Amino acid sequence: MYKIEIIKKNGFNCNWTTLFIGRQFKLISSLEVTNYAVEYLENNPNVNNGFILELAWEQVEDKVDDLLEKIISDSSPEGMTKEYHKWLYSIIKEVYNNSSAENVFQEIENIFFMFNTPQNMYDFFRKVSDAFYYPSDSKHTIKELIEEFLNAEKQLIIK
């Protein structure tokens, strides 16, 4: 499990949709959502949203997801996609910064499956796989491929 700090550490803002996407992909715990709700209410004392107030009291997993879904019900598909890319970027960046050259391919493979083999990662994953299994035939190292992917992801986020 991750913490929302991984998003903030990369210079991105975190919002209710970020939390919703994090929960959808089982990236964050319900306690992380509760902590965010408490902090949100502390910083916005005039908020009178019953769903947010309910989230501030630790809830069971399913209840947290239902409340988050109600809070973000007016989110646009574009907004949801942007938050998805924040998570993908942040997790891959974490792997890039913290994994050894020997483990990075396995970590990328785990992310590929964690995000339910997303279409936007197929080409990247194929190139990383080729660089891992056939390094002498690859034009780029795995780290270079990750840098290229991260740059493309960042463009999708800042649009």
N, C-alpha and C. Protein backbone atom coordinates (compact mmCIF):
# COMPACT_ATOMS: atom_id res chain seq x y z
N MET A 1 0.84 -1.19 0.00
CA MET A 1 0.00 0.00 0.00
C MET A 1 0.88 1.25 0.00
N TYR A 2 0.33 2.27 -0.58
CA TYR A 2 1.03 3.54 -0.67
C TYR A 2 0.35 4.59 0.20
N LYS A 3 0.98 5.71 0.32
CA LYS A 3 0.43 6.87 1.01
C LYS A 3 0.26 7.97 -0.03
N ILE A 4 -0.64 8.90 0.23
CA ILE A 4 -0.86 9.98 -0.74
C ILE A 4 0.36 10.90 -0.83
N GLU A 5 1.27 10.78 0.10
CA GLU A 5 2.51 11.57 0.05
C GLU A 5 3.28 11.29 -1.24
N ILE A 6 3.13 10.10 -1.79
CA ILE A 6 3.81 9.76 -3.03
C ILE A 6 3.36 10.69 -4.17
N ILE A 7 2.11 11.10 -4.13
CA ILE A 7 1.57 12.03 -5.13
C ILE A 7 2.12 13.43 -4.87
N LYS A 8 2.04 13.87 -3.63
CA LYS A 8 2.49 15.22 -3.26
C LYS A 8 3.99 15.39 -3.48
N LYS A 9 4.75 14.33 -3.22
CA LYS A 9 6.20 14.36 -3.37
C LYS A 9 6.61 14.69 -4.81
N ASN A 10 5.76 14.35 -5.75
CA ASN A 10 6.04 14.61 -7.17
C ASN A 10 5.50 15.95 -7.64
N GLY A 11 5.02 16.75 -6.69
CA GLY A 11 4.56 18.09 -7.03
C GLY A 11 3.12 18.16 -7.51
N PHE A 12 2.36 17.08 -7.32
CA PHE A 12 0.96 17.06 -7.75
C PHE A 12 0.06 17.32 -6.56
N ASN A 13 -1.08 17.92 -6.83
CA ASN A 13 -2.04 18.10 -5.76
C ASN A 13 -2.86 16.82 -5.60
N CYS A 14 -3.38 16.64 -4.43
CA CYS A 14 -4.19 15.48 -4.12
C CYS A 14 -5.61 15.97 -3.84
N ASN A 15 -6.59 15.26 -4.36
CA ASN A 15 -7.99 15.63 -4.13
C ASN A 15 -8.81 14.36 -3.94
N TRP A 16 -10.11 14.53 -3.82
CA TRP A 16 -10.99 13.37 -3.58
C TRP A 16 -10.93 12.38 -4.73
N THR A 17 -10.77 12.85 -5.94
CA THR A 17 -10.68 11.95 -7.09
C THR A 17 -9.38 11.16 -7.05
N THR A 18 -8.31 11.80 -6.60
CA THR A 18 -7.03 11.09 -6.43
C THR A 18 -7.22 9.92 -5.47
N LEU A 19 -7.91 10.19 -4.38
CA LEU A 19 -8.16 9.14 -3.39
C LEU A 19 -9.03 8.03 -3.98
N PHE A 20 -10.05 8.42 -4.73
CA PHE A 20 -10.95 7.44 -5.33
C PHE A 20 -10.18 6.51 -6.27
N ILE A 21 -9.35 7.09 -7.13
CA ILE A 21 -8.55 6.26 -8.05
C ILE A 21 -7.60 5.38 -7.26
N GLY A 22 -6.99 5.93 -6.23
CA GLY A 22 -6.10 5.13 -5.38
C GLY A 22 -6.79 3.95 -4.75
N ARG A 23 -8.03 4.15 -4.35
CA ARG A 23 -8.82 3.06 -3.77
C ARG A 23 -9.24 2.05 -4.84
N GLN A 24 -9.59 2.54 -6.02
CA GLN A 24 -10.02 1.65 -7.10
C GLN A 24 -8.93 0.64 -7.46
N PHE A 25 -7.69 1.10 -7.43
CA PHE A 25 -6.56 0.23 -7.78
C PHE A 25 -5.89 -0.39 -6.55
N LYS A 26 -6.57 -0.25 -5.39
CA LYS A 26 -6.08 -0.82 -4.14
C LYS A 26 -4.66 -0.35 -3.80
N LEU A 27 -4.44 0.95 -4.03
CA LEU A 27 -3.13 1.54 -3.77
C LEU A 27 -3.03 2.14 -2.38
N ILE A 28 -4.18 2.55 -1.82
CA ILE A 28 -4.18 3.19 -0.50
C ILE A 28 -5.22 2.51 0.40
N SER A 29 -5.00 2.63 1.67
CA SER A 29 -5.91 2.03 2.65
C SER A 29 -7.06 2.98 2.96
N SER A 30 -8.09 2.45 3.57
CA SER A 30 -9.21 3.29 4.00
C SER A 30 -8.75 4.27 5.07
N LEU A 31 -7.78 3.88 5.89
CA LEU A 31 -7.25 4.78 6.91
C LEU A 31 -6.59 6.01 6.27
N GLU A 32 -5.96 5.83 5.15
CA GLU A 32 -5.35 6.96 4.43
C GLU A 32 -6.43 7.96 4.01
N VAL A 33 -7.58 7.46 3.60
CA VAL A 33 -8.70 8.32 3.21
C VAL A 33 -9.25 9.04 4.44
N THR A 34 -9.40 8.32 5.54
CA THR A 34 -9.87 8.91 6.78
C THR A 34 -8.94 10.03 7.24
N ASN A 35 -7.64 9.78 7.20
CA ASN A 35 -6.67 10.80 7.60
C ASN A 35 -6.76 12.03 6.70
N TYR A 36 -6.95 11.82 5.41
CA TYR A 36 -7.09 12.94 4.47
C TYR A 36 -8.35 13.74 4.81
N ALA A 37 -9.44 13.04 5.11
CA ALA A 37 -10.70 13.72 5.44
C ALA A 37 -10.54 14.57 6.71
N VAL A 38 -9.88 14.04 7.70
CA VAL A 38 -9.65 14.78 8.95
C VAL A 38 -8.83 16.03 8.66
N GLU A 39 -7.74 15.87 7.93
CA GLU A 39 -6.89 17.01 7.58
C GLU A 39 -7.66 18.03 6.74
N TYR A 40 -8.46 17.53 5.81
CA TYR A 40 -9.27 18.42 4.96
C TYR A 40 -10.22 19.26 5.81
N LEU A 41 -10.87 18.63 6.76
CA LEU A 41 -11.81 19.36 7.63
C LEU A 41 -11.08 20.35 8.56
N GLU A 42 -9.90 19.98 8.99
CA GLU A 42 -9.11 20.91 9.81
C GLU A 42 -8.74 22.16 9.02
N ASN A 43 -8.41 21.97 7.74
CA ASN A 43 -8.02 23.09 6.88
C ASN A 43 -9.21 23.84 6.30
N ASN A 44 -10.38 23.24 6.32
CA ASN A 44 -11.60 23.84 5.77
C ASN A 44 -12.73 23.69 6.78
N PRO A 45 -12.65 24.41 7.90
CA PRO A 45 -13.61 24.20 8.99
C PRO A 45 -15.06 24.55 8.63
N ASN A 46 -15.28 25.29 7.58
CA ASN A 46 -16.64 25.67 7.20
C ASN A 46 -17.32 24.67 6.27
N VAL A 47 -16.60 23.61 5.89
CA VAL A 47 -17.19 22.59 5.02
C VAL A 47 -18.27 21.85 5.79
N ASN A 48 -19.41 21.69 5.14
CA ASN A 48 -20.52 21.00 5.77
C ASN A 48 -21.04 19.88 4.87
N ASN A 49 -20.11 19.10 4.34
CA ASN A 49 -20.46 17.99 3.47
C ASN A 49 -20.56 16.73 4.33
N GLY A 50 -21.75 16.17 4.39
CA GLY A 50 -21.99 15.00 5.23
C GLY A 50 -21.12 13.81 4.88
N PHE A 51 -20.83 13.63 3.61
CA PHE A 51 -20.00 12.50 3.18
C PHE A 51 -18.57 12.66 3.70
N ILE A 52 -18.05 13.89 3.61
CA ILE A 52 -16.69 14.14 4.11
C ILE A 52 -16.65 13.99 5.62
N LEU A 53 -17.68 14.51 6.29
CA LEU A 53 -17.75 14.37 7.75
C LEU A 53 -17.78 12.90 8.15
N GLU A 54 -18.53 12.11 7.40
CA GLU A 54 -18.60 10.67 7.69
C GLU A 54 -17.25 9.99 7.46
N LEU A 55 -16.54 10.42 6.41
CA LEU A 55 -15.23 9.83 6.13
C LEU A 55 -14.23 10.12 7.24
N ALA A 56 -14.41 11.23 7.92
CA ALA A 56 -13.47 11.60 8.99
C ALA A 56 -13.53 10.62 10.16
N TRP A 57 -14.62 9.89 10.24
CA TRP A 57 -14.71 8.83 11.24
C TRP A 57 -14.30 7.55 10.54
N GLU A 58 -13.31 6.87 11.08
CA GLU A 58 -12.79 5.68 10.40
C GLU A 58 -13.93 4.74 10.01
N GLN A 59 -13.92 4.35 8.76
CA GLN A 59 -14.99 3.53 8.18
C GLN A 59 -14.43 2.19 7.69
N VAL A 60 -15.31 1.26 7.45
CA VAL A 60 -14.91 0.00 6.84
C VAL A 60 -14.62 0.24 5.37
N GLU A 61 -13.85 -0.65 4.78
CA GLU A 61 -13.40 -0.49 3.40
C GLU A 61 -14.52 -0.12 2.42
N ASP A 62 -15.58 -0.92 2.39
CA ASP A 62 -16.66 -0.69 1.42
C ASP A 62 -17.35 0.64 1.64
N LYS A 63 -17.54 1.02 2.89
CA LYS A 63 -18.20 2.28 3.22
C LYS A 63 -17.36 3.46 2.73
N VAL A 64 -16.04 3.38 2.91
CA VAL A 64 -15.14 4.44 2.43
C VAL A 64 -15.29 4.59 0.92
N ASP A 65 -15.29 3.49 0.21
CA ASP A 65 -15.40 3.54 -1.25
C ASP A 65 -16.74 4.13 -1.68
N ASP A 66 -17.81 3.76 -1.01
CA ASP A 66 -19.14 4.31 -1.33
C ASP A 66 -19.18 5.82 -1.09
N LEU A 67 -18.63 6.26 0.04
CA LEU A 67 -18.61 7.69 0.35
C LEU A 67 -17.76 8.48 -0.64
N LEU A 68 -16.60 7.93 -0.99
CA LEU A 68 -15.75 8.60 -1.99
C LEU A 68 -16.47 8.72 -3.32
N GLU A 69 -17.16 7.66 -3.70
CA GLU A 69 -17.90 7.69 -4.97
C GLU A 69 -18.96 8.79 -4.96
N LYS A 70 -19.61 8.99 -3.84
CA LYS A 70 -20.61 10.05 -3.72
C LYS A 70 -19.97 11.43 -3.78
N ILE A 71 -18.81 11.58 -3.15
CA ILE A 71 -18.12 12.86 -3.13
C ILE A 71 -17.67 13.25 -4.54
N ILE A 72 -17.20 12.30 -5.32
CA ILE A 72 -16.66 12.61 -6.64
C ILE A 72 -17.67 12.42 -7.77
N SER A 73 -18.93 12.26 -7.43
CA SER A 73 -19.95 11.93 -8.44
C SER A 73 -20.01 12.91 -9.61
N ASP A 74 -19.56 14.14 -9.41
CA ASP A 74 -19.61 15.11 -10.50
C ASP A 74 -18.27 15.27 -11.21
N SER A 75 -17.31 14.39 -10.93
CA SER A 75 -16.00 14.45 -11.59
C SER A 75 -16.11 14.08 -13.06
N SER A 76 -15.35 14.78 -13.86
CA SER A 76 -15.35 14.52 -15.30
C SER A 76 -14.46 13.32 -15.62
N PRO A 77 -14.71 12.66 -16.75
CA PRO A 77 -13.82 11.56 -17.16
C PRO A 77 -12.38 12.04 -17.33
N GLU A 78 -12.21 13.28 -17.79
CA GLU A 78 -10.86 13.83 -17.97
C GLU A 78 -10.16 13.97 -16.62
N GLY A 79 -10.92 14.42 -15.63
CA GLY A 79 -10.36 14.56 -14.28
C GLY A 79 -9.96 13.22 -13.70
N MET A 80 -10.78 12.21 -13.94
CA MET A 80 -10.47 10.86 -13.45
C MET A 80 -9.20 10.34 -14.12
N THR A 81 -9.09 10.57 -15.42
CA THR A 81 -7.93 10.11 -16.18
C THR A 81 -6.66 10.79 -15.67
N LYS A 82 -6.76 12.09 -15.40
CA LYS A 82 -5.60 12.83 -14.90
C LYS A 82 -5.12 12.26 -13.57
N GLU A 83 -6.06 11.94 -12.69
CA GLU A 83 -5.68 11.39 -11.38
C GLU A 83 -5.07 10.00 -11.53
N TYR A 84 -5.57 9.22 -12.47
CA TYR A 84 -5.00 7.90 -12.77
C TYR A 84 -3.53 8.06 -13.17
N HIS A 85 -3.27 9.02 -14.05
CA HIS A 85 -1.90 9.23 -14.53
C HIS A 85 -0.99 9.75 -13.41
N LYS A 86 -1.53 10.50 -12.45
CA LYS A 86 -0.73 10.93 -11.30
C LYS A 86 -0.24 9.72 -10.52
N TRP A 87 -1.15 8.76 -10.29
CA TRP A 87 -0.75 7.56 -9.56
C TRP A 87 0.28 6.75 -10.35
N LEU A 88 0.01 6.55 -11.62
CA LEU A 88 0.92 5.75 -12.45
C LEU A 88 2.30 6.40 -12.48
N TYR A 89 2.34 7.69 -12.73
CA TYR A 89 3.60 8.42 -12.76
C TYR A 89 4.33 8.29 -11.42
N SER A 90 3.62 8.56 -10.35
CA SER A 90 4.24 8.58 -9.02
C SER A 90 4.81 7.23 -8.62
N ILE A 91 4.10 6.18 -8.92
CA ILE A 91 4.57 4.84 -8.54
C ILE A 91 5.76 4.42 -9.40
N ILE A 92 5.69 4.71 -10.70
CA ILE A 92 6.82 4.37 -11.56
C ILE A 92 8.04 5.22 -11.18
N LYS A 93 7.82 6.47 -10.85
CA LYS A 93 8.93 7.35 -10.43
C LYS A 93 9.57 6.79 -9.15
N GLU A 94 8.76 6.30 -8.25
CA GLU A 94 9.26 5.70 -7.01
C GLU A 94 10.15 4.49 -7.34
N VAL A 95 9.70 3.66 -8.26
CA VAL A 95 10.48 2.50 -8.69
C VAL A 95 11.78 2.96 -9.33
N TYR A 96 11.68 3.95 -10.18
CA TYR A 96 12.86 4.49 -10.88
C TYR A 96 13.90 4.98 -9.87
N ASN A 97 13.45 5.68 -8.84
CA ASN A 97 14.37 6.25 -7.86
C ASN A 97 14.90 5.24 -6.85
N ASN A 98 14.14 4.19 -6.57
CA ASN A 98 14.49 3.32 -5.44
C ASN A 98 14.82 1.88 -5.78
N SER A 99 14.71 1.48 -7.02
CA SER A 99 14.98 0.08 -7.36
C SER A 99 16.36 -0.08 -7.97
N SER A 100 16.95 -1.20 -7.67
CA SER A 100 18.24 -1.51 -8.28
C SER A 100 18.03 -1.92 -9.73
N ALA A 101 19.07 -1.85 -10.51
CA ALA A 101 18.98 -2.21 -11.93
C ALA A 101 18.47 -3.64 -12.10
N GLU A 102 18.82 -4.52 -11.17
CA GLU A 102 18.40 -5.91 -11.27
C GLU A 102 16.91 -6.08 -10.99
N ASN A 103 16.34 -5.24 -10.13
CA ASN A 103 14.94 -5.40 -9.72
C ASN A 103 13.96 -4.54 -10.48
N VAL A 104 14.43 -3.57 -11.24
CA VAL A 104 13.53 -2.59 -11.84
C VAL A 104 12.53 -3.24 -12.81
N PHE A 105 12.97 -4.23 -13.58
CA PHE A 105 12.04 -4.87 -14.51
C PHE A 105 10.90 -5.55 -13.77
N GLN A 106 11.22 -6.28 -12.73
CA GLN A 106 10.18 -6.96 -11.95
C GLN A 106 9.22 -5.95 -11.34
N GLU A 107 9.72 -4.82 -10.87
CA GLU A 107 8.86 -3.78 -10.31
C GLU A 107 7.93 -3.19 -11.38
N ILE A 108 8.47 -2.96 -12.56
CA ILE A 108 7.64 -2.44 -13.67
C ILE A 108 6.58 -3.46 -14.03
N GLU A 109 6.95 -4.71 -14.05
CA GLU A 109 6.00 -5.79 -14.33
C GLU A 109 4.88 -5.80 -13.29
N ASN A 110 5.24 -5.64 -12.02
CA ASN A 110 4.23 -5.58 -10.96
C ASN A 110 3.28 -4.41 -11.15
N ILE A 111 3.81 -3.26 -11.52
CA ILE A 111 2.97 -2.08 -11.75
C ILE A 111 2.03 -2.32 -12.93
N PHE A 112 2.55 -2.93 -13.96
CA PHE A 112 1.74 -3.24 -15.15
C PHE A 112 0.52 -4.06 -14.75
N PHE A 113 0.71 -5.04 -13.91
CA PHE A 113 -0.40 -5.87 -13.46
C PHE A 113 -1.26 -5.17 -12.40
N MET A 114 -0.62 -4.38 -11.54
CA MET A 114 -1.34 -3.64 -10.51
C MET A 114 -2.38 -2.70 -11.14
N PHE A 115 -2.03 -2.13 -12.28
CA PHE A 115 -2.94 -1.21 -12.98
C PHE A 115 -3.77 -1.94 -14.04
N ASN A 116 -3.90 -3.25 -13.89
CA ASN A 116 -4.74 -4.08 -14.77
C ASN A 116 -4.32 -4.01 -16.23
N THR A 117 -3.04 -4.16 -16.47
CA THR A 117 -2.44 -4.15 -17.81
C THR A 117 -3.03 -3.06 -18.71
N PRO A 118 -2.78 -1.81 -18.36
CA PRO A 118 -3.38 -0.70 -19.11
C PRO A 118 -2.84 -0.60 -20.54
N GLN A 119 -3.72 -0.23 -21.43
CA GLN A 119 -3.40 -0.10 -22.85
C GLN A 119 -2.23 0.86 -23.06
N ASN A 120 -2.22 1.97 -22.30
CA ASN A 120 -1.16 2.97 -22.49
C ASN A 120 0.22 2.49 -22.04
N MET A 121 0.29 1.32 -21.42
CA MET A 121 1.59 0.80 -20.97
C MET A 121 2.10 -0.35 -21.83
N TYR A 122 1.30 -0.84 -22.76
CA TYR A 122 1.72 -2.02 -23.53
C TYR A 122 3.04 -1.80 -24.26
N ASP A 123 3.15 -0.72 -25.01
CA ASP A 123 4.36 -0.46 -25.78
C ASP A 123 5.56 -0.27 -24.85
N PHE A 124 5.36 0.50 -23.79
CA PHE A 124 6.41 0.73 -22.80
C PHE A 124 6.85 -0.60 -22.18
N PHE A 125 5.90 -1.41 -21.77
CA PHE A 125 6.22 -2.67 -21.12
C PHE A 125 6.97 -3.61 -22.08
N ARG A 126 6.56 -3.62 -23.34
CA ARG A 126 7.25 -4.45 -24.34
C ARG A 126 8.70 -4.01 -24.50
N LYS A 127 8.92 -2.70 -24.58
CA LYS A 127 10.28 -2.17 -24.74
C LYS A 127 11.14 -2.49 -23.50
N VAL A 128 10.57 -2.33 -22.32
CA VAL A 128 11.30 -2.63 -21.09
C VAL A 128 11.62 -4.12 -21.02
N SER A 129 10.65 -4.93 -21.41
CA SER A 129 10.85 -6.38 -21.43
C SER A 129 11.97 -6.76 -22.39
N ASP A 130 11.95 -6.17 -23.58
CA ASP A 130 13.01 -6.44 -24.55
C ASP A 130 14.38 -6.01 -24.01
N ALA A 131 14.42 -4.83 -23.38
CA ALA A 131 15.69 -4.34 -22.84
C ALA A 131 16.19 -5.24 -21.71
N PHE A 132 15.25 -5.84 -20.97
CA PHE A 132 15.64 -6.73 -19.87
C PHE A 132 16.14 -8.07 -20.41
N TYR A 133 15.39 -8.67 -21.33
CA TYR A 133 15.74 -10.00 -21.82
C TYR A 133 16.79 -10.00 -22.93
N TYR A 134 16.83 -8.92 -23.72
CA TYR A 134 17.77 -8.83 -24.85
C TYR A 134 18.51 -7.48 -24.80
N PRO A 135 19.28 -7.25 -23.75
CA PRO A 135 19.90 -5.93 -23.58
C PRO A 135 20.82 -5.53 -24.74
N SER A 136 21.48 -6.48 -25.35
CA SER A 136 22.39 -6.12 -26.44
C SER A 136 21.64 -5.68 -27.69
N ASP A 137 20.37 -6.10 -27.84
CA ASP A 137 19.57 -5.72 -29.00
C ASP A 137 18.79 -4.42 -28.78
N SER A 138 18.68 -3.99 -27.55
CA SER A 138 17.88 -2.82 -27.21
C SER A 138 18.66 -1.53 -27.48
N LYS A 139 17.96 -0.54 -28.01
CA LYS A 139 18.58 0.76 -28.28
C LYS A 139 18.70 1.59 -27.01
N HIS A 140 17.89 1.25 -25.98
CA HIS A 140 17.87 2.04 -24.76
C HIS A 140 17.97 1.11 -23.54
N THR A 141 18.48 1.68 -22.46
CA THR A 141 18.49 0.94 -21.20
C THR A 141 17.09 1.03 -20.58
N ILE A 142 16.84 0.19 -19.61
CA ILE A 142 15.55 0.22 -18.93
C ILE A 142 15.33 1.58 -18.27
N LYS A 143 16.36 2.12 -17.65
CA LYS A 143 16.24 3.43 -17.00
C LYS A 143 15.88 4.52 -18.02
N GLU A 144 16.47 4.47 -19.20
CA GLU A 144 16.16 5.46 -20.25
C GLU A 144 14.71 5.31 -20.70
N LEU A 145 14.26 4.08 -20.82
CA LEU A 145 12.86 3.84 -21.22
C LEU A 145 11.89 4.36 -20.15
N ILE A 146 12.26 4.18 -18.90
CA ILE A 146 11.41 4.67 -17.82
C ILE A 146 11.37 6.20 -17.85
N GLU A 147 12.51 6.83 -18.05
CA GLU A 147 12.56 8.30 -18.14
C GLU A 147 11.65 8.80 -19.27
N GLU A 148 11.71 8.14 -20.40
CA GLU A 148 10.87 8.51 -21.56
C GLU A 148 9.38 8.36 -21.21
N PHE A 149 9.03 7.27 -20.56
CA PHE A 149 7.64 7.03 -20.17
C PHE A 149 7.19 8.07 -19.15
N LEU A 150 8.04 8.36 -18.18
CA LEU A 150 7.69 9.35 -17.16
C LEU A 150 7.46 10.73 -17.79
N ASN A 151 8.28 11.10 -18.74
CA ASN A 151 8.10 12.39 -19.42
C ASN A 151 6.76 12.44 -20.14
N ALA A 152 6.39 11.34 -20.81
CA ALA A 152 5.10 11.29 -21.52
C ALA A 152 3.94 11.35 -20.52
N GLU A 153 4.07 10.64 -19.41
CA GLU A 153 3.02 10.65 -18.39
C GLU A 153 2.85 12.05 -17.79
N LYS A 154 3.97 12.72 -17.55
CA LYS A 154 3.90 14.06 -16.96
C LYS A 154 3.17 15.02 -17.90
N GLN A 155 3.37 14.86 -19.19
CA GLN A 155 2.68 15.70 -20.18
C GLN A 155 1.16 15.48 -20.10
N LEU A 156 0.76 14.26 -19.88
CA LEU A 156 -0.67 13.95 -19.75
C LEU A 156 -1.27 14.58 -18.49
N ILE A 157 -0.46 14.72 -17.48
CA ILE A 157 -0.94 15.27 -16.20
C ILE A 157 -1.03 16.78 -16.26
N ILE A 158 -0.05 17.43 -16.87
CA ILE A 158 -0.03 18.90 -16.84
C ILE A 158 -0.85 19.54 -17.94
N LYS A 159 -1.44 18.76 -18.80
CA LYS A 159 -2.30 19.31 -19.87
C LYS A 159 -3.40 20.15 -19.29
